[in-house]
């Protein structure tokens, strides 16, 4: 704390900026840990329920149990579009599926839109982590360079280069680099972790969309 309070104005501003980046990054990390964990766990539960159920309408009635899973968003969008391409005069179980290929394309587009929307939601705030990880070391380095320049300026004014004169200024300068690394390292690690987890969810969404369309097409073929 003595180093922080004794630093120059520019170094203090750099440290305040780095502390802000670090605090916001940790808030994002905690939020994304909670969000991604719920998305993964509820997606697994939803897939178990999906394959055990025999009817889309039965799944739709229970889908709120898995509200945090991106797969439920895909199901809702796909099922909602599917109902639009069902004939009104089909069997009593809910109507015959239209054999119009345009209907299947509409379902496919709805699934793609939902997938893109969920990817955007899951990746929200990750840009800040990437920015923190890539820029914080350089911001800290700027603070260090500025602090060293100030220290050498002080040496020039006093005319003394003894360790007692040089060391405090160098220490004040290096604290900026240290804080920059403290902000950057967790941000980079968290960013890579969440990118991996989100890629897994994206693969699950792609697989679910394919299976959903296969089920629809098999039903059409059976009509």
Protein backbone atom coordinates (compact mmCIF):
# COMPACT_ATOMS: atom_id res chain seq x y z
CA UNK A 1 0.00 0.00 0.00
CA UNK A 2 2.92 2.32 0.69
CA UNK A 3 4.15 1.72 -2.87
CA UNK A 4 0.69 2.44 -4.26
CA UNK A 5 0.16 5.64 -2.29
CA UNK A 6 3.68 6.85 -3.04
CA UNK A 7 3.42 6.33 -6.82
CA UNK A 8 3.10 9.21 -9.24
CA UNK A 9 -0.17 10.40 -10.74
CA UNK A 10 0.21 8.55 -14.05
CA UNK A 11 1.16 5.30 -12.32
CA UNK A 12 -1.78 5.68 -9.94
CA UNK A 13 -4.16 6.13 -12.89
CA UNK A 14 -2.69 3.03 -14.52
CA UNK A 15 -3.15 1.05 -11.29
CA UNK A 16 -6.75 2.24 -10.89
CA UNK A 17 -7.50 1.17 -14.48
CA UNK A 18 -5.91 -2.24 -13.94
CA UNK A 19 -7.76 -2.77 -10.67
CA UNK A 20 -11.01 -1.88 -12.47
CA UNK A 21 -10.22 -4.44 -15.20
CA UNK A 22 -9.42 -7.06 -12.57
CA UNK A 23 -12.59 -6.49 -10.52
CA UNK A 24 -14.86 -6.54 -13.58
CA UNK A 25 -13.08 -9.61 -14.95
CA UNK A 26 -13.65 -11.53 -11.72
CA UNK A 27 -17.32 -10.51 -11.70
CA UNK A 28 -17.65 -11.83 -15.27
CA UNK A 29 -15.75 -15.02 -14.38
CA UNK A 30 -18.07 -15.79 -11.47
CA UNK A 31 -21.17 -15.01 -13.54
CA UNK A 32 -20.04 -17.15 -16.49
CA UNK A 33 -19.07 -20.03 -14.20
CA UNK A 34 -22.63 -20.07 -12.86
CA UNK A 35 -24.22 -19.59 -16.30
CA UNK A 36 -22.16 -22.20 -18.16
CA UNK A 37 -22.44 -24.75 -15.35
CA UNK A 38 -26.24 -24.46 -15.33
CA UNK A 39 -26.36 -24.63 -19.14
CA UNK A 40 -24.27 -27.82 -19.19
CA UNK A 41 -26.07 -29.60 -16.36
CA UNK A 42 -29.58 -28.73 -17.58
CA UNK A 43 -28.69 -29.64 -21.17
CA UNK A 44 -27.67 -33.12 -20.03
CA UNK A 45 -30.93 -33.50 -18.08
CA UNK A 46 -32.97 -32.19 -21.02
CA UNK A 47 -31.41 -34.64 -23.46
CA UNK A 48 -32.21 -37.54 -21.14
CA UNK A 49 -35.79 -36.33 -20.89
CA UNK A 50 -36.00 -35.69 -24.66
CA UNK A 51 -35.03 -39.22 -25.63
CA UNK A 52 -37.26 -40.81 -22.99
CA UNK A 53 -40.30 -38.87 -24.19
CA UNK A 54 -42.28 -40.08 -27.18
CA UNK A 55 -44.10 -36.91 -28.20
CA UNK A 56 -43.05 -33.33 -28.86
CA UNK A 57 -46.13 -31.95 -27.14
CA UNK A 58 -45.25 -33.85 -23.96
CA UNK A 59 -41.73 -32.41 -24.07
CA UNK A 60 -43.08 -28.90 -24.67
CA UNK A 61 -45.26 -29.14 -21.58
CA UNK A 62 -42.21 -29.88 -19.39
CA UNK A 63 -39.59 -27.74 -21.09
CA UNK A 64 -39.70 -25.03 -18.38
CA UNK A 65 -37.90 -27.46 -16.07
CA UNK A 66 -34.77 -26.89 -18.16
CA UNK A 67 -35.04 -23.15 -18.72
CA UNK A 68 -31.28 -22.54 -18.51
CA UNK A 69 -30.38 -25.04 -21.22
CA UNK A 70 -29.76 -23.63 -24.70
CA UNK A 71 -31.24 -26.84 -26.11
CA UNK A 72 -34.67 -25.91 -24.76
CA UNK A 73 -34.52 -22.67 -26.73
CA UNK A 74 -33.78 -24.66 -29.87
CA UNK A 75 -36.60 -27.07 -29.11
CA UNK A 76 -39.10 -24.27 -28.50
CA UNK A 77 -38.15 -22.50 -31.72
CA UNK A 78 -38.12 -25.69 -33.77
CA UNK A 79 -41.37 -26.98 -32.29
CA UNK A 80 -43.06 -23.61 -32.69
CA UNK A 81 -42.11 -23.49 -36.36
CA UNK A 82 -43.06 -27.14 -36.80
CA UNK A 83 -46.61 -26.46 -35.61
CA UNK A 84 -46.94 -23.84 -38.35
CA UNK A 85 -46.34 -26.47 -41.05
CA UNK A 86 -48.86 -28.97 -39.66
CA UNK A 87 -52.10 -29.36 -41.58
CA UNK A 88 -55.27 -28.51 -39.74
CA UNK A 89 -57.14 -31.58 -40.98
CA UNK A 90 -54.76 -34.35 -40.02
CA UNK A 91 -55.13 -37.17 -37.53
CA UNK A 92 -56.39 -36.53 -34.04
CA UNK A 93 -52.88 -36.76 -32.58
CA UNK A 94 -52.07 -33.29 -33.82
CA UNK A 95 -52.27 -33.12 -37.57
CA UNK A 96 -50.20 -34.41 -40.45
CA UNK A 97 -46.88 -32.81 -41.14
CA UNK A 98 -46.69 -30.92 -44.37
CA UNK A 99 -44.56 -32.65 -46.98
CA UNK A 100 -43.68 -29.25 -48.43
CA UNK A 101 -39.88 -28.97 -48.33
CA UNK A 102 -40.29 -25.29 -47.58
CA UNK A 103 -41.81 -26.26 -44.24
CA UNK A 104 -38.73 -28.28 -43.31
CA UNK A 105 -36.52 -25.40 -44.42
CA UNK A 106 -38.48 -23.08 -42.13
CA UNK A 107 -37.84 -25.40 -39.19
CA UNK A 108 -34.16 -25.59 -40.10
CA UNK A 109 -33.88 -21.79 -40.29
CA UNK A 110 -35.62 -21.44 -36.94
CA UNK A 111 -33.10 -23.83 -35.38
CA UNK A 112 -30.19 -21.92 -36.93
CA UNK A 113 -31.53 -18.59 -35.66
CA UNK A 114 -31.96 -20.02 -32.18
CA UNK A 115 -28.45 -21.50 -32.26
CA UNK A 116 -26.90 -18.18 -33.27
CA UNK A 117 -28.88 -16.37 -30.59
CA UNK A 118 -27.74 -18.81 -27.90
CA UNK A 119 -24.11 -18.61 -29.02
CA UNK A 120 -24.28 -14.82 -28.74
CA UNK A 121 -25.80 -15.10 -25.27
CA UNK A 122 -23.22 -17.62 -24.06
CA UNK A 123 -20.29 -15.61 -25.45
CA UNK A 124 -21.51 -12.34 -23.97
CA UNK A 125 -18.84 -10.55 -21.88
CA UNK A 126 -16.08 -12.90 -23.04
CA UNK A 127 -14.73 -10.10 -25.22
CA UNK A 128 -13.98 -8.13 -22.06
CA UNK A 129 -11.97 -11.05 -20.67
CA UNK A 130 -10.01 -11.30 -23.93
CA UNK A 131 -9.38 -7.55 -23.91
CA UNK A 132 -8.24 -7.65 -20.29
CA UNK A 133 -5.93 -10.57 -20.94
CA UNK A 134 -4.33 -9.00 -24.00
CA UNK A 135 -4.03 -5.35 -22.90
CA UNK A 136 -3.46 -5.42 -19.13
CA UNK A 137 0.22 -6.46 -19.34
CA UNK A 138 0.90 -3.63 -21.79
CA UNK A 139 -0.96 -1.09 -19.66
CA UNK A 140 1.06 -2.27 -16.68
CA UNK A 141 4.25 -2.04 -18.74
CA UNK A 142 3.36 1.53 -19.68
CA UNK A 143 2.98 2.35 -16.00
CA UNK A 144 6.34 0.71 -15.29
CA UNK A 145 8.13 2.60 -18.08
CA UNK A 146 6.60 5.87 -16.93
CA UNK A 147 7.57 5.17 -13.33
CA UNK A 148 11.15 4.33 -14.30
CA UNK A 149 11.36 7.53 -16.35
CA UNK A 150 10.18 9.47 -13.31
CA UNK A 151 12.69 7.66 -11.12
CA UNK A 152 15.58 8.50 -13.44
CA UNK A 153 14.39 12.07 -13.62
CA UNK A 154 14.55 12.18 -9.83
CA UNK A 155 18.07 10.73 -9.93
CA UNK A 156 19.10 13.44 -12.36
CA UNK A 157 17.76 16.17 -10.11
CA UNK A 158 19.33 14.83 -6.93
CA UNK A 159 22.58 13.82 -8.62
CA UNK A 160 22.66 10.60 -6.58
CA UNK A 161 22.41 7.07 -8.01
CA UNK A 162 22.67 5.18 -4.75
CA UNK A 163 20.45 2.16 -4.13
CA UNK A 164 18.54 4.05 -1.45
CA UNK A 165 17.54 6.64 -4.03
CA UNK A 166 16.92 4.33 -7.00
CA UNK A 167 15.18 1.36 -5.35
CA UNK A 168 11.92 3.04 -4.16
CA UNK A 169 11.23 4.55 -7.59
CA UNK A 170 11.94 1.28 -9.41
CA UNK A 171 9.76 -0.64 -6.97
CA UNK A 172 6.89 1.81 -7.50
CA UNK A 173 7.27 1.38 -11.24
CA UNK A 174 7.36 -2.41 -11.21
CA UNK A 175 4.16 -2.67 -9.16
CA UNK A 176 2.24 -1.60 -12.30
CA UNK A 177 3.55 -4.57 -14.27
CA UNK A 178 2.74 -6.90 -11.37
CA UNK A 179 -0.87 -5.65 -11.16
CA UNK A 180 -1.17 -5.93 -14.94
CA UNK A 181 -0.19 -9.60 -14.78
CA UNK A 182 -2.53 -10.19 -11.84
CA UNK A 183 -5.39 -8.83 -13.96
CA UNK A 184 -4.39 -10.59 -17.19
CA UNK A 185 -3.58 -14.15 -16.10
CA UNK A 186 -7.00 -15.08 -14.60
CA UNK A 187 -8.76 -13.37 -17.52
CA UNK A 188 -6.84 -15.39 -20.12
CA UNK A 189 -7.31 -18.67 -18.24
CA UNK A 190 -11.04 -18.02 -17.77
CA UNK A 191 -11.48 -16.98 -21.41
CA UNK A 192 -9.89 -20.21 -22.68
CA UNK A 193 -11.92 -22.28 -20.21
CA UNK A 194 -15.23 -20.72 -21.22
CA UNK A 195 -14.43 -20.94 -24.92
CA UNK A 196 -13.89 -24.68 -24.51
CA UNK A 197 -17.13 -25.13 -22.55
CA UNK A 198 -19.10 -23.07 -25.05
CA UNK A 199 -17.67 -25.05 -27.99
CA UNK A 200 -18.98 -28.19 -26.30
CA UNK A 201 -22.43 -26.59 -25.98
CA UNK A 202 -22.31 -25.46 -29.62
CA UNK A 203 -21.56 -29.03 -30.71
CA UNK A 204 -24.49 -30.24 -28.59
CA UNK A 205 -26.77 -27.65 -30.19
CA UNK A 206 -25.66 -28.69 -33.69
CA UNK A 207 -26.24 -32.36 -32.85
CA UNK A 208 -29.65 -31.61 -31.35
CA UNK A 209 -30.69 -29.60 -34.43
CA UNK A 210 -29.68 -32.48 -36.68
CA UNK A 211 -31.57 -35.02 -34.57
CA UNK A 212 -34.64 -32.78 -34.39
CA UNK A 213 -34.75 -32.41 -38.17
CA UNK A 214 -34.20 -36.17 -38.63
CA UNK A 215 -37.18 -36.91 -36.38
CA UNK A 216 -39.34 -34.44 -38.32
CA UNK A 217 -38.31 -35.90 -41.66
CA UNK A 218 -38.94 -39.48 -40.46
CA UNK A 219 -42.43 -38.43 -39.39
CA UNK A 220 -43.05 -36.86 -42.78
CA UNK A 221 -41.82 -39.98 -44.54
CA UNK A 222 -44.20 -42.09 -42.46
CA UNK A 223 -47.26 -40.08 -43.39
